[in-house]
Amino acid sequence: MKILIADDSRVMRQIVIRTLRQAGYDGHDLIEAGNGAEALDLVGSQAPDLVLSDWNMPEMTGIELLRALRAANHQVPFGFVTSEGTPEMRTIAEESGALFLLAKPFTPDSLRDHLDAVVA
């Protein structure tokens, strides 16, 4: 499986990657994007099986990325791993087609719980 991690913080991308490995997803192809626009391009060129995105990023936010993907009829599974998780954000994410919104900080167990439901 190919997983795209989109976050404007290189450190946060590395934390997500480390947590994915700790959660048992260490045999997968992991690709990174520094913002939503870059992620949108990578979805087109790399065809990931899953997108994990931050909400707040420059160039194109995570929710703008999700909406652009759905508008272009890309149905790649999409989840947010972000610092905020207000009820309003969760509603917007769900209505836009996200499978989950996981608020930071997160653990390998909480990440695995969300991903197992998606990739099973």
PDB file of N, CA and C in Angstrom:
ATOM      1  N   MET A   1       0.844  -1.177   0.000  1.00  0.00           N
ATOM      2  CA  MET A   1       0.000   0.000   0.000  1.00  0.00           C
ATOM      3  C   MET A   1       0.889   1.241   0.000  1.00  0.00           C
ATOM      4  N   LYS A   2       0.455   2.256  -0.746  1.00  0.00           N
ATOM      5  CA  LYS A   2       1.171   3.526  -0.818  1.00  0.00           C
ATOM      6  C   LYS A   2       0.387   4.569  -0.027  1.00  0.00           C
ATOM      7  N   ILE A   3       1.063   5.195   0.960  1.00  0.00           N
ATOM      8  CA  ILE A   3       0.422   6.185   1.818  1.00  0.00           C
ATOM      9  C   ILE A   3       1.092   7.537   1.606  1.00  0.00           C
ATOM     10  N   LEU A   4       0.295   8.552   1.302  1.00  0.00           N
ATOM     11  CA  LEU A   4       0.777   9.922   1.152  1.00  0.00           C
ATOM     12  C   LEU A   4       0.530  10.685   2.447  1.00  0.00           C
ATOM     13  N   ILE A   5       1.594  11.268   2.999  1.00  0.00           N
ATOM     14  CA  ILE A   5       1.502  12.085   4.213  1.00  0.00           C
ATOM     15  C   ILE A   5       1.714  13.537   3.807  1.00  0.00           C
ATOM     16  N   ALA A   6       0.697  14.377   4.025  1.00  0.00           N
ATOM     17  CA  ALA A   6       0.770  15.791   3.661  1.00  0.00           C
ATOM     18  C   ALA A   6       0.743  16.641   4.928  1.00  0.00           C
ATOM     19  N   ASP A   7       1.832  17.356   5.170  1.00  0.00           N
ATOM     20  CA  ASP A   7       1.930  18.254   6.326  1.00  0.00           C
ATOM     21  C   ASP A   7       3.028  19.252   6.015  1.00  0.00           C
ATOM     22  N   ASP A   8       2.802  20.527   6.353  1.00  0.00           N
ATOM     23  CA  ASP A   8       3.811  21.543   6.063  1.00  0.00           C
ATOM     24  C   ASP A   8       5.003  21.458   7.019  1.00  0.00           C
ATOM     25  N   SER A   9       4.890  20.712   8.082  1.00  0.00           N
ATOM     26  CA  SER A   9       6.002  20.535   9.024  1.00  0.00           C
ATOM     27  C   SER A   9       6.727  19.221   8.719  1.00  0.00           C
ATOM     28  N   ARG A  10       7.998  19.330   8.340  1.00  0.00           N
ATOM     29  CA  ARG A  10       8.795  18.134   8.069  1.00  0.00           C
ATOM     30  C   ARG A  10       8.872  17.264   9.308  1.00  0.00           C
ATOM     31  N   VAL A  11       9.010  17.900  10.476  1.00  0.00           N
ATOM     32  CA  VAL A  11       9.077  17.161  11.734  1.00  0.00           C
ATOM     33  C   VAL A  11       7.779  16.381  11.963  1.00  0.00           C
ATOM     34  N   MET A  12       6.649  17.018  11.702  1.00  0.00           N
ATOM     35  CA  MET A  12       5.378  16.326  11.898  1.00  0.00           C
ATOM     36  C   MET A  12       5.223  15.173  10.921  1.00  0.00           C
ATOM     37  N   ARG A  13       5.676  15.344   9.677  1.00  0.00           N
ATOM     38  CA  ARG A  13       5.624  14.225   8.722  1.00  0.00           C
ATOM     39  C   ARG A  13       6.435  13.055   9.251  1.00  0.00           C
ATOM     40  N   GLN A  14       7.602  13.354   9.831  1.00  0.00           N
ATOM     41  CA  GLN A  14       8.448  12.292  10.382  1.00  0.00           C
ATOM     42  C   GLN A  14       7.777  11.617  11.583  1.00  0.00           C
ATOM     43  N   ILE A  15       7.074  12.389  12.396  1.00  0.00           N
ATOM     44  CA  ILE A  15       6.344  11.811  13.531  1.00  0.00           C
ATOM     45  C   ILE A  15       5.240  10.888  13.028  1.00  0.00           C
ATOM     46  N   VAL A  16       4.511  11.314  12.005  1.00  0.00           N
ATOM     47  CA  VAL A  16       3.453  10.471  11.440  1.00  0.00           C
ATOM     48  C   VAL A  16       4.061   9.186  10.879  1.00  0.00           C
ATOM     49  N   ILE A  17       5.171   9.306  10.164  1.00  0.00           N
ATOM     50  CA  ILE A  17       5.835   8.131   9.591  1.00  0.00           C
ATOM     51  C   ILE A  17       6.284   7.181  10.695  1.00  0.00           C
ATOM     52  N   ARG A  18       6.908   7.715  11.732  1.00  0.00           N
ATOM     53  CA  ARG A  18       7.359   6.881  12.849  1.00  0.00           C
ATOM     54  C   ARG A  18       6.168   6.188  13.516  1.00  0.00           C
ATOM     55  N   THR A  19       5.088   6.931  13.697  1.00  0.00           N
ATOM     56  CA  THR A  19       3.908   6.364  14.340  1.00  0.00           C
ATOM     57  C   THR A  19       3.262   5.300  13.453  1.00  0.00           C
ATOM     58  N   LEU A  20       3.246   5.527  12.146  1.00  0.00           N
ATOM     59  CA  LEU A  20       2.749   4.497  11.226  1.00  0.00           C
ATOM     60  C   LEU A  20       3.551   3.214  11.393  1.00  0.00           C
ATOM     61  N   ARG A  21       4.852   3.331  11.448  1.00  0.00           N
ATOM     62  CA  ARG A  21       5.709   2.147  11.610  1.00  0.00           C
ATOM     63  C   ARG A  21       5.447   1.456  12.947  1.00  0.00           C
ATOM     64  N   GLN A  22       5.303   2.253  14.009  1.00  0.00           N
ATOM     65  CA  GLN A  22       5.018   1.687  15.332  1.00  0.00           C
ATOM     66  C   GLN A  22       3.652   1.018  15.371  1.00  0.00           C
ATOM     67  N   ALA A  23       2.741   1.484  14.526  1.00  0.00           N
ATOM     68  CA  ALA A  23       1.385   0.929  14.476  1.00  0.00           C
ATOM     69  C   ALA A  23       1.314  -0.314  13.592  1.00  0.00           C
ATOM     70  N   GLY A  24       2.454  -0.721  13.023  1.00  0.00           N
ATOM     71  CA  GLY A  24       2.481  -1.921  12.199  1.00  0.00           C
ATOM     72  C   GLY A  24       2.390  -1.685  10.709  1.00  0.00           C
ATOM     73  N   TYR A  25       2.510  -0.438  10.301  1.00  0.00           N
ATOM     74  CA  TYR A  25       2.431  -0.095   8.873  1.00  0.00           C
ATOM     75  C   TYR A  25       3.824   0.200   8.309  1.00  0.00           C
ATOM     76  N   ASP A  26       4.803  -0.611   8.710  1.00  0.00           N
ATOM     77  CA  ASP A  26       6.183  -0.341   8.304  1.00  0.00           C
ATOM     78  C   ASP A  26       6.545  -0.925   6.954  1.00  0.00           C
ATOM     79  N   GLY A  27       5.734  -1.778   6.386  1.00  0.00           N
ATOM     80  CA  GLY A  27       6.063  -2.372   5.100  1.00  0.00           C
ATOM     81  C   GLY A  27       5.467  -1.627   3.922  1.00  0.00           C
ATOM     82  N   HIS A  28       4.934  -0.458   4.165  1.00  0.00           N
ATOM     83  CA  HIS A  28       4.237   0.275   3.111  1.00  0.00           C
ATOM     84  C   HIS A  28       5.121   1.363   2.500  1.00  0.00           C
ATOM     85  N   ASP A  29       4.776   1.756   1.298  1.00  0.00           N
ATOM     86  CA  ASP A  29       5.484   2.816   0.590  1.00  0.00           C
ATOM     87  C   ASP A  29       4.929   4.154   1.076  1.00  0.00           C
ATOM     88  N   LEU A  30       5.782   4.953   1.703  1.00  0.00           N
ATOM     89  CA  LEU A  30       5.354   6.225   2.270  1.00  0.00           C
ATOM     90  C   LEU A  30       5.930   7.373   1.457  1.00  0.00           C
ATOM     91  N   ILE A  31       5.059   8.268   0.994  1.00  0.00           N
ATOM     92  CA  ILE A  31       5.500   9.443   0.253  1.00  0.00           C
ATOM     93  C   ILE A  31       5.035  10.688   0.997  1.00  0.00           C
ATOM     94  N   GLU A  32       5.758  11.791   0.805  1.00  0.00           N
ATOM     95  CA  GLU A  32       5.505  13.002   1.571  1.00  0.00           C
ATOM     96  C   GLU A  32       5.216  14.197   0.675  1.00  0.00           C
ATOM     97  N   ALA A  33       4.359  15.087   1.192  1.00  0.00           N
ATOM     98  CA  ALA A  33       4.065  16.363   0.542  1.00  0.00           C
ATOM     99  C   ALA A  33       4.115  17.454   1.597  1.00  0.00           C
ATOM    100  N   GLY A  34       4.665  18.617   1.229  1.00  0.00           N
ATOM    101  CA  GLY A  34       4.816  19.724   2.154  1.00  0.00           C
ATOM    102  C   GLY A  34       3.632  20.665   2.215  1.00  0.00           C
ATOM    103  N   ASN A  35       2.648  20.465   1.342  1.00  0.00           N
ATOM    104  CA  ASN A  35       1.425  21.278   1.375  1.00  0.00           C
ATOM    105  C   ASN A  35       0.363  20.585   0.528  1.00  0.00           C
ATOM    106  N   GLY A  36      -0.833  21.135   0.557  1.00  0.00           N
ATOM    107  CA  GLY A  36      -1.933  20.516  -0.158  1.00  0.00           C
ATOM    108  C   GLY A  36      -1.773  20.512  -1.667  1.00  0.00           C
ATOM    109  N   ALA A  37      -1.201  21.571  -2.211  1.00  0.00           N
ATOM    110  CA  ALA A  37      -1.004  21.633  -3.663  1.00  0.00           C
ATOM    111  C   ALA A  37      -0.038  20.548  -4.129  1.00  0.00           C
ATOM    112  N   GLU A  38       1.041  20.381  -3.379  1.00  0.00           N
ATOM    113  CA  GLU A  38       2.000  19.323  -3.696  1.00  0.00           C
ATOM    114  C   GLU A  38       1.329  17.955  -3.565  1.00  0.00           C
ATOM    115  N   ALA A  39       0.517  17.785  -2.544  1.00  0.00           N
ATOM    116  CA  ALA A  39      -0.195  16.516  -2.347  1.00  0.00           C
ATOM    117  C   ALA A  39      -1.141  16.235  -3.506  1.00  0.00           C
ATOM    118  N   LEU A  40      -1.830  17.264  -3.974  1.00  0.00           N
ATOM    119  CA  LEU A  40      -2.749  17.097  -5.101  1.00  0.00           C
ATOM    120  C   LEU A  40      -2.000  16.597  -6.332  1.00  0.00           C
ATOM    121  N   ASP A  41      -0.842  17.179  -6.601  1.00  0.00           N
ATOM    122  CA  ASP A  41      -0.018  16.728  -7.725  1.00  0.00           C
ATOM    123  C   ASP A  41       0.421  15.275  -7.535  1.00  0.00           C
ATOM    124  N   LEU A  42       0.820  14.932  -6.297  1.00  0.00           N
ATOM    125  CA  LEU A  42       1.290  13.574  -6.031  1.00  0.00           C
ATOM    126  C   LEU A  42       0.175  12.535  -6.137  1.00  0.00           C
ATOM    127  N   VAL A  43      -1.037  12.907  -5.791  1.00  0.00           N
ATOM    128  CA  VAL A  43      -2.150  11.969  -5.968  1.00  0.00           C
ATOM    129  C   VAL A  43      -2.283  11.629  -7.452  1.00  0.00           C
ATOM    130  N   GLY A  44      -2.135  12.630  -8.301  1.00  0.00           N
ATOM    131  CA  GLY A  44      -2.218  12.396  -9.741  1.00  0.00           C
ATOM    132  C   GLY A  44      -1.076  11.574 -10.286  1.00  0.00           C
ATOM    133  N   SER A  45       0.139  11.811  -9.798  1.00  0.00           N
ATOM    134  CA  SER A  45       1.302  11.127 -10.359  1.00  0.00           C
ATOM    135  C   SER A  45       1.671   9.828  -9.643  1.00  0.00           C
ATOM    136  N   GLN A  46       1.355   9.716  -8.360  1.00  0.00           N
ATOM    137  CA  GLN A  46       1.773   8.552  -7.584  1.00  0.00           C
ATOM    138  C   GLN A  46       0.639   7.573  -7.246  1.00  0.00           C
ATOM    139  N   ALA A  47      -0.599   8.007  -7.393  1.00  0.00           N
ATOM    140  CA  ALA A  47      -1.783   7.181  -7.115  1.00  0.00           C
ATOM    141  C   ALA A  47      -1.702   6.468  -5.767  1.00  0.00           C
ATOM    142  N   PRO A  48      -1.631   7.230  -4.672  1.00  0.00           N
ATOM    143  CA  PRO A  48      -1.566   6.579  -3.358  1.00  0.00           C
ATOM    144  C   PRO A  48      -2.874   5.854  -3.031  1.00  0.00           C
ATOM    145  N   ASP A  49      -2.779   4.899  -2.119  1.00  0.00           N
ATOM    146  CA  ASP A  49      -3.943   4.142  -1.674  1.00  0.00           C
ATOM    147  C   ASP A  49      -4.629   4.811  -0.488  1.00  0.00           C
ATOM    148  N   LEU A  50      -3.926   5.767   0.127  1.00  0.00           N
ATOM    149  CA  LEU A  50      -4.449   6.470   1.296  1.00  0.00           C
ATOM    150  C   LEU A  50      -3.738   7.808   1.412  1.00  0.00           C
ATOM    151  N   VAL A  51      -4.473   8.847   1.794  1.00  0.00           N
ATOM    152  CA  VAL A  51      -3.893  10.162   2.067  1.00  0.00           C
ATOM    153  C   VAL A  51      -4.141  10.494   3.536  1.00  0.00           C
ATOM    154  N   LEU A  52      -3.063  10.863   4.242  1.00  0.00           N
ATOM    155  CA  LEU A  52      -3.146  11.381   5.605  1.00  0.00           C
ATOM    156  C   LEU A  52      -2.695  12.825   5.538  1.00  0.00           C
ATOM    157  N   SER A  53      -3.562  13.744   5.912  1.00  0.00           N
ATOM    158  CA  SER A  53      -3.277  15.157   5.710  1.00  0.00           C
ATOM    159  C   SER A  53      -3.500  15.983   6.970  1.00  0.00           C
ATOM    160  N   ASP A  54      -2.639  16.987   7.121  1.00  0.00           N
ATOM    161  CA  ASP A  54      -2.860  18.033   8.108  1.00  0.00           C
ATOM    162  C   ASP A  54      -4.008  18.900   7.588  1.00  0.00           C
ATOM    163  N   TRP A  55      -4.617  19.649   8.467  1.00  0.00           N
ATOM    164  CA  TRP A  55      -5.712  20.555   8.060  1.00  0.00           C
ATOM    165  C   TRP A  55      -5.147  21.893   7.606  1.00  0.00           C
ATOM    166  N   ASN A  56      -4.286  22.495   8.436  1.00  0.00           N
ATOM    167  CA  ASN A  56      -3.761  23.834   8.169  1.00  0.00           C
ATOM    168  C   ASN A  56      -2.398  23.747   7.499  1.00  0.00           C
ATOM    169  N   MET A  57      -2.358  24.118   6.213  1.00  0.00           N
ATOM    170  CA  MET A  57      -1.108  24.135   5.448  1.00  0.00           C
ATOM    171  C   MET A  57      -1.139  25.324   4.494  1.00  0.00           C
ATOM    172  N   PRO A  58       0.037  25.819   4.106  1.00  0.00           N
ATOM    173  CA  PRO A  58       0.079  26.894   3.104  1.00  0.00           C
ATOM    174  C   PRO A  58      -0.222  26.343   1.709  1.00  0.00           C
ATOM    175  N   GLU A  59      -0.397  27.228   0.783  1.00  0.00           N
ATOM    176  CA  GLU A  59      -0.673  26.898  -0.627  1.00  0.00           C
ATOM    177  C   GLU A  59      -2.082  26.338  -0.804  1.00  0.00           C
ATOM    178  N   MET A  60      -2.389  25.277  -0.099  1.00  0.00           N
ATOM    179  CA  MET A  60      -3.707  24.640  -0.157  1.00  0.00           C
ATOM    180  C   MET A  60      -3.892  23.889   1.152  1.00  0.00           C
ATOM    181  N   THR A  61      -4.962  24.180   1.861  1.00  0.00           N
ATOM    182  CA  THR A  61      -5.199  23.512   3.137  1.00  0.00           C
ATOM    183  C   THR A  61      -5.628  22.061   2.897  1.00  0.00           C
ATOM    184  N   GLY A  62      -5.655  21.304   3.961  1.00  0.00           N
ATOM    185  CA  GLY A  62      -6.084  19.917   3.856  1.00  0.00           C
ATOM    186  C   GLY A  62      -7.525  19.775   3.397  1.00  0.00           C
ATOM    187  N   ILE A  63      -8.411  20.627   3.902  1.00  0.00           N
ATOM    188  CA  ILE A  63      -9.809  20.531   3.486  1.00  0.00           C
ATOM    189  C   ILE A  63      -9.962  20.963   2.029  1.00  0.00           C
ATOM    190  N   GLU A  64      -9.171  21.949   1.586  1.00  0.00           N
ATOM    191  CA  GLU A  64      -9.184  22.333   0.169  1.00  0.00           C
ATOM    192  C   GLU A  64      -8.660  21.183  -0.697  1.00  0.00           C
ATOM    193  N   LEU A  65      -7.646  20.488  -0.209  1.00  0.00           N
ATOM    194  CA  LEU A  65      -7.111  19.324  -0.920  1.00  0.00           C
ATOM    195  C   LEU A  65      -8.193  18.259  -1.061  1.00  0.00           C
ATOM    196  N   LEU A  66      -8.845  17.928   0.032  1.00  0.00           N
ATOM    197  CA  LEU A  66      -9.890  16.908  -0.010  1.00  0.00           C
ATOM    198  C   LEU A  66     -10.999  17.310  -0.982  1.00  0.00           C
ATOM    199  N   ARG A  67     -11.435  18.542  -0.907  1.00  0.00           N
ATOM    200  CA  ARG A  67     -12.507  19.008  -1.804  1.00  0.00           C
ATOM    201  C   ARG A  67     -12.063  18.983  -3.270  1.00  0.00           C
ATOM    202  N   ALA A  68     -10.803  19.346  -3.535  1.00  0.00           N
ATOM    203  CA  ALA A  68     -10.281  19.312  -4.907  1.00  0.00           C
ATOM    204  C   ALA A  68     -10.218  17.869  -5.419  1.00  0.00           C
ATOM    205  N   LEU A  69      -9.814  16.946  -4.562  1.00  0.00           N
ATOM    206  CA  LEU A  69      -9.769  15.539  -4.964  1.00  0.00           C
ATOM    207  C   LEU A  69     -11.161  15.020  -5.301  1.00  0.00           C
ATOM    208  N   ARG A  70     -12.116  15.313  -4.437  1.00  0.00           N
ATOM    209  CA  ARG A  70     -13.480  14.820  -4.671  1.00  0.00           C
ATOM    210  C   ARG A  70     -14.099  15.501  -5.897  1.00  0.00           C
ATOM    211  N   ALA A  71     -13.805  16.786  -6.112  1.00  0.00           N
ATOM    212  CA  ALA A  71     -14.326  17.488  -7.285  1.00  0.00           C
ATOM    213  C   ALA A  71     -13.765  16.891  -8.574  1.00  0.00           C
ATOM    214  N   ALA A  72     -12.536  16.359  -8.505  1.00  0.00           N
ATOM    215  CA  ALA A  72     -11.906  15.730  -9.663  1.00  0.00           C
ATOM    216  C   ALA A  72     -12.236  14.244  -9.737  1.00  0.00           C
ATOM    217  N   ASN A  73     -13.158  13.798  -8.887  1.00  0.00           N
ATOM    218  CA  ASN A  73     -13.618  12.411  -8.835  1.00  0.00           C
ATOM    219  C   ASN A  73     -12.549  11.430  -8.362  1.00  0.00           C
ATOM    220  N   HIS A  74     -11.549  11.903  -7.620  1.00  0.00           N
ATOM    221  CA  HIS A  74     -10.581  11.017  -6.965  1.00  0.00           C
ATOM    222  C   HIS A  74     -11.234  10.504  -5.691  1.00  0.00           C
ATOM    223  N   GLN A  75     -11.328   9.205  -5.561  1.00  0.00           N
ATOM    224  CA  GLN A  75     -11.977   8.615  -4.383  1.00  0.00           C
ATOM    225  C   GLN A  75     -10.983   7.968  -3.438  1.00  0.00           C
ATOM    226  N   VAL A  76      -9.723   8.396  -3.495  1.00  0.00           N
ATOM    227  CA  VAL A  76      -8.707   7.847  -2.605  1.00  0.00           C
ATOM    228  C   VAL A  76      -9.151   8.039  -1.152  1.00  0.00           C
ATOM    229  N   PRO A  77      -9.033   6.993  -0.315  1.00  0.00           N
ATOM    230  CA  PRO A  77      -9.357   7.149   1.105  1.00  0.00           C
ATOM    231  C   PRO A  77      -8.522   8.280   1.708  1.00  0.00           C
ATOM    232  N   PHE A  78      -9.157   9.097   2.550  1.00  0.00           N
ATOM    233  CA  PHE A  78      -8.538  10.333   3.037  1.00  0.00           C
ATOM    234  C   PHE A  78      -8.848  10.488   4.516  1.00  0.00           C
ATOM    235  N   GLY A  79      -7.810  10.749   5.307  1.00  0.00           N
ATOM    236  CA  GLY A  79      -7.996  11.026   6.724  1.00  0.00           C
ATOM    237  C   GLY A  79      -7.151  12.206   7.156  1.00  0.00           C
ATOM    238  N   PHE A  80      -7.645  12.915   8.148  1.00  0.00           N
ATOM    239  CA  PHE A  80      -6.909  14.045   8.698  1.00  0.00           C
ATOM    240  C   PHE A  80      -6.152  13.619   9.946  1.00  0.00           C
ATOM    241  N   VAL A  81      -4.901  14.051  10.041  1.00  0.00           N
ATOM    242  CA  VAL A  81      -4.101  13.953  11.253  1.00  0.00           C
ATOM    243  C   VAL A  81      -3.667  15.384  11.521  1.00  0.00           C
ATOM    244  N   THR A  82      -4.331  16.018  12.470  1.00  0.00           N
ATOM    245  CA  THR A  82      -4.191  17.459  12.611  1.00  0.00           C
ATOM    246  C   THR A  82      -4.207  17.887  14.073  1.00  0.00           C
ATOM    247  N   SER A  83      -3.819  19.124  14.323  1.00  0.00           N
ATOM    248  CA  SER A  83      -3.696  19.606  15.705  1.00  0.00           C
ATOM    249  C   SER A  83      -5.026  20.002  16.326  1.00  0.00           C
ATOM    250  N   GLU A  84      -6.024  20.236  15.506  1.00  0.00           N
ATOM    251  CA  GLU A  84      -7.332  20.636  16.021  1.00  0.00           C
ATOM    252  C   GLU A  84      -8.361  19.582  15.655  1.00  0.00           C
ATOM    253  N   GLY A  85      -9.347  19.429  16.524  1.00  0.00           N
ATOM    254  CA  GLY A  85     -10.384  18.461  16.235  1.00  0.00           C
ATOM    255  C   GLY A  85     -11.724  18.911  16.779  1.00  0.00           C
ATOM    256  N   THR A  86     -12.097  20.146  16.459  1.00  0.00           N
ATOM    257  CA  THR A  86     -13.366  20.671  16.956  1.00  0.00           C
ATOM    258  C   THR A  86     -14.529  19.897  16.335  1.00  0.00           C
ATOM    259  N   PRO A  87     -15.668  19.900  16.987  1.00  0.00           N
ATOM    260  CA  PRO A  87     -16.840  19.243  16.391  1.00  0.00           C
ATOM    261  C   PRO A  87     -17.173  19.797  15.006  1.00  0.00           C
ATOM    262  N   GLU A  88     -17.006  21.109  14.820  1.00  0.00           N
ATOM    263  CA  GLU A  88     -17.284  21.713  13.506  1.00  0.00           C
ATOM    264  C   GLU A  88     -16.327  21.170  12.446  1.00  0.00           C
ATOM    265  N   MET A  89     -15.041  21.059  12.790  1.00  0.00           N
ATOM    266  CA  MET A  89     -14.067  20.533  11.838  1.00  0.00           C
ATOM    267  C   MET A  89     -14.390  19.075  11.490  1.00  0.00           C
ATOM    268  N   ARG A  90     -14.769  18.307  12.496  1.00  0.00           N
ATOM    269  CA  ARG A  90     -15.109  16.903  12.254  1.00  0.00           C
ATOM    270  C   ARG A  90     -16.308  16.792  11.313  1.00  0.00           C
ATOM    271  N   THR A  91     -17.296  17.645  11.494  1.00  0.00           N
ATOM    272  CA  THR A  91     -18.475  17.643  10.628  1.00  0.00           C
ATOM    273  C   THR A  91     -18.096  18.025   9.207  1.00  0.00           C
ATOM    274  N   ILE A  92     -17.311  19.081   9.064  1.00  0.00           N
ATOM    275  CA  ILE A  92     -16.875  19.524   7.735  1.00  0.00           C
ATOM    276  C   ILE A  92     -16.063  18.425   7.053  1.00  0.00           C
ATOM    277  N   ALA A  93     -15.158  17.797   7.795  1.00  0.00           N
ATOM    278  CA  ALA A  93     -14.332  16.727   7.236  1.00  0.00           C
ATOM    279  C   ALA A  93     -15.203  15.578   6.743  1.00  0.00           C
ATOM    280  N   GLU A  94     -16.128  15.155   7.577  1.00  0.00           N
ATOM    281  CA  GLU A  94     -17.001  14.034   7.215  1.00  0.00           C
ATOM    282  C   GLU A  94     -17.865  14.388   6.005  1.00  0.00           C
ATOM    283  N   GLU A  95     -18.449  15.573   6.011  1.00  0.00           N
ATOM    284  CA  GLU A  95     -19.313  15.985   4.898  1.00  0.00           C
ATOM    285  C   GLU A  95     -18.529  16.138   3.594  1.00  0.00           C
ATOM    286  N   SER A  96     -17.225  16.402   3.700  1.00  0.00           N
ATOM    287  CA  SER A  96     -16.388  16.565   2.508  1.00  0.00           C
ATOM    288  C   SER A  96     -15.824  15.244   2.008  1.00  0.00           C
ATOM    289  N   GLY A  97     -16.005  14.174   2.786  1.00  0.00           N
ATOM    290  CA  GLY A  97     -15.566  12.863   2.323  1.00  0.00           C
ATOM    291  C   GLY A  97     -14.398  12.252   3.076  1.00  0.00           C
ATOM    292  N   ALA A  98     -13.972  12.867   4.173  1.00  0.00           N
ATOM    293  CA  ALA A  98     -12.892  12.277   4.965  1.00  0.00           C
ATOM    294  C   ALA A  98     -13.424  11.084   5.750  1.00  0.00           C
ATOM    295  N   LEU A  99     -12.587  10.091   5.936  1.00  0.00           N
ATOM    296  CA  LEU A  99     -12.976   8.909   6.691  1.00  0.00           C
ATOM    297  C   LEU A  99     -12.806   9.104   8.188  1.00  0.00           C
ATOM    298  N   PHE A 100     -11.874   9.993   8.561  1.00  0.00           N
ATOM    299  CA  PHE A 100     -11.656  10.266   9.980  1.00  0.00           C
ATOM    300  C   PHE A 100     -10.888  11.558  10.150  1.00  0.00           C
ATOM    301  N   LEU A 101     -10.934  12.072  11.360  1.00  0.00           N
ATOM    302  CA  LEU A 101     -10.101  13.193  11.777  1.00  0.00           C
ATOM    303  C   LEU A 101      -9.490  12.791  13.111  1.00  0.00           C
ATOM    304  N   LEU A 102      -8.182  12.597  13.121  1.00  0.00           N
ATOM    305  CA  LEU A 102      -7.444  12.197  14.309  1.00  0.00           C
ATOM    306  C   LEU A 102      -6.667  13.411  14.800  1.00  0.00           C
ATOM    307  N   ALA A 103      -6.981  13.856  16.000  1.00  0.00           N
ATOM    308  CA  ALA A 103      -6.326  15.047  16.547  1.00  0.00           C
ATOM    309  C   ALA A 103      -5.007  14.672  17.206  1.00  0.00           C
ATOM    310  N   LYS A 104      -3.999  15.538  17.021  1.00  0.00           N
ATOM    311  CA  LYS A 104      -2.709  15.389  17.687  1.00  0.00           C
ATOM    312  C   LYS A 104      -2.877  15.823  19.144  1.00  0.00           C
ATOM    313  N   PRO A 105      -2.165  15.251  20.066  1.00  0.00           N
ATOM    314  CA  PRO A 105      -1.227  14.137  19.882  1.00  0.00           C
ATOM    315  C   PRO A 105      -1.991  12.825  19.715  1.00  0.00           C
ATOM    316  N   PHE A 106      -1.358  11.891  19.044  1.00  0.00           N
ATOM    317  CA  PHE A 106      -1.976  10.595  18.802  1.00  0.00           C
ATOM    318  C   PHE A 106      -0.956   9.513  19.129  1.00  0.00           C
ATOM    319  N   THR A 107      -1.449   8.313  19.294  1.00  0.00           N
ATOM    320  CA  THR A 107      -0.593   7.184  19.643  1.00  0.00           C
ATOM    321  C   THR A 107      -0.607   6.176  18.501  1.00  0.00           C
ATOM    322  N   PRO A 108       0.350   5.258  18.489  1.00  0.00           N
ATOM    323  CA  PRO A 108       0.277   4.193  17.481  1.00  0.00           C
ATOM    324  C   PRO A 108      -1.046   3.434  17.538  1.00  0.00           C
ATOM    325  N   ASP A 109      -1.572   3.215  18.752  1.00  0.00           N
ATOM    326  CA  ASP A 109      -2.842   2.495  18.885  1.00  0.00           C
ATOM    327  C   ASP A 109      -3.999   3.277  18.281  1.00  0.00           C
ATOM    328  N   SER A 110      -4.078   4.585  18.556  1.00  0.00           N
ATOM    329  CA  SER A 110      -5.190   5.362  18.010  1.00  0.00           C
ATOM    330  C   SER A 110      -5.079   5.471  16.493  1.00  0.00           C
ATOM    331  N   LEU A 111      -3.863   5.601  15.970  1.00  0.00           N
ATOM    332  CA  LEU A 111      -3.681   5.655  14.524  1.00  0.00           C
ATOM    333  C   LEU A 111      -4.064   4.314  13.902  1.00  0.00           C
ATOM    334  N   ARG A 112      -3.611   3.223  14.507  1.00  0.00           N
ATOM    335  CA  ARG A 112      -3.944   1.891  14.005  1.00  0.00           C
ATOM    336  C   ARG A 112      -5.460   1.670  14.003  1.00  0.00           C
ATOM    337  N   ASP A 113      -6.138   2.090  15.067  1.00  0.00           N
ATOM    338  CA  ASP A 113      -7.591   1.926  15.128  1.00  0.00           C
ATOM    339  C   ASP A 113      -8.273   2.600  13.939  1.00  0.00           C
ATOM    340  N   HIS A 114      -7.841   3.801  13.601  1.00  0.00           N
ATOM    341  CA  HIS A 114      -8.444   4.520  12.464  1.00  0.00           C
ATOM    342  C   HIS A 114      -8.065   3.871  11.131  1.00  0.00           C
ATOM    343  N   LEU A 115      -6.798   3.478  10.979  1.00  0.00           N
ATOM    344  CA  LEU A 115      -6.349   2.934   9.709  1.00  0.00           C
ATOM    345  C   LEU A 115      -6.877   1.529   9.464  1.00  0.00           C
ATOM    346  N   ASP A 116      -6.949   0.707  10.496  1.00  0.00           N
ATOM    347  CA  ASP A 116      -7.450  -0.654  10.320  1.00  0.00           C
ATOM    348  C   ASP A 116      -8.866  -0.649   9.774  1.00  0.00           C
ATOM    349  N   ALA A 117      -9.665   0.319  10.190  1.00  0.00           N
ATOM    350  CA  ALA A 117     -11.039   0.423   9.679  1.00  0.00           C
ATOM    351  C   ALA A 117     -11.055   0.828   8.203  1.00  0.00           C
ATOM    352  N   VAL A 118     -10.014   1.535   7.769  1.00  0.00           N
ATOM    353  CA  VAL A 118      -9.944   2.029   6.394  1.00  0.00           C
ATOM    354  C   VAL A 118      -9.369   0.984   5.445  1.00  0.00           C
ATOM    355  N   VAL A 119      -8.302   0.323   5.862  1.00  0.00           N
ATOM    356  CA  VAL A 119      -7.570  -0.569   4.954  1.00  0.00           C
ATOM    357  C   VAL A 119      -8.009  -2.018   5.043  1.00  0.00           C
ATOM    358  N   ALA A 120      -8.876  -2.333   5.987  1.00  0.00           N
ATOM    359  CA  ALA A 120      -9.308  -3.732   6.145  1.00  0.00           C
ATOM    360  C   ALA A 120     -10.264  -4.133   5.042  1.00  0.00           C
TER     361      ALA A 120
END
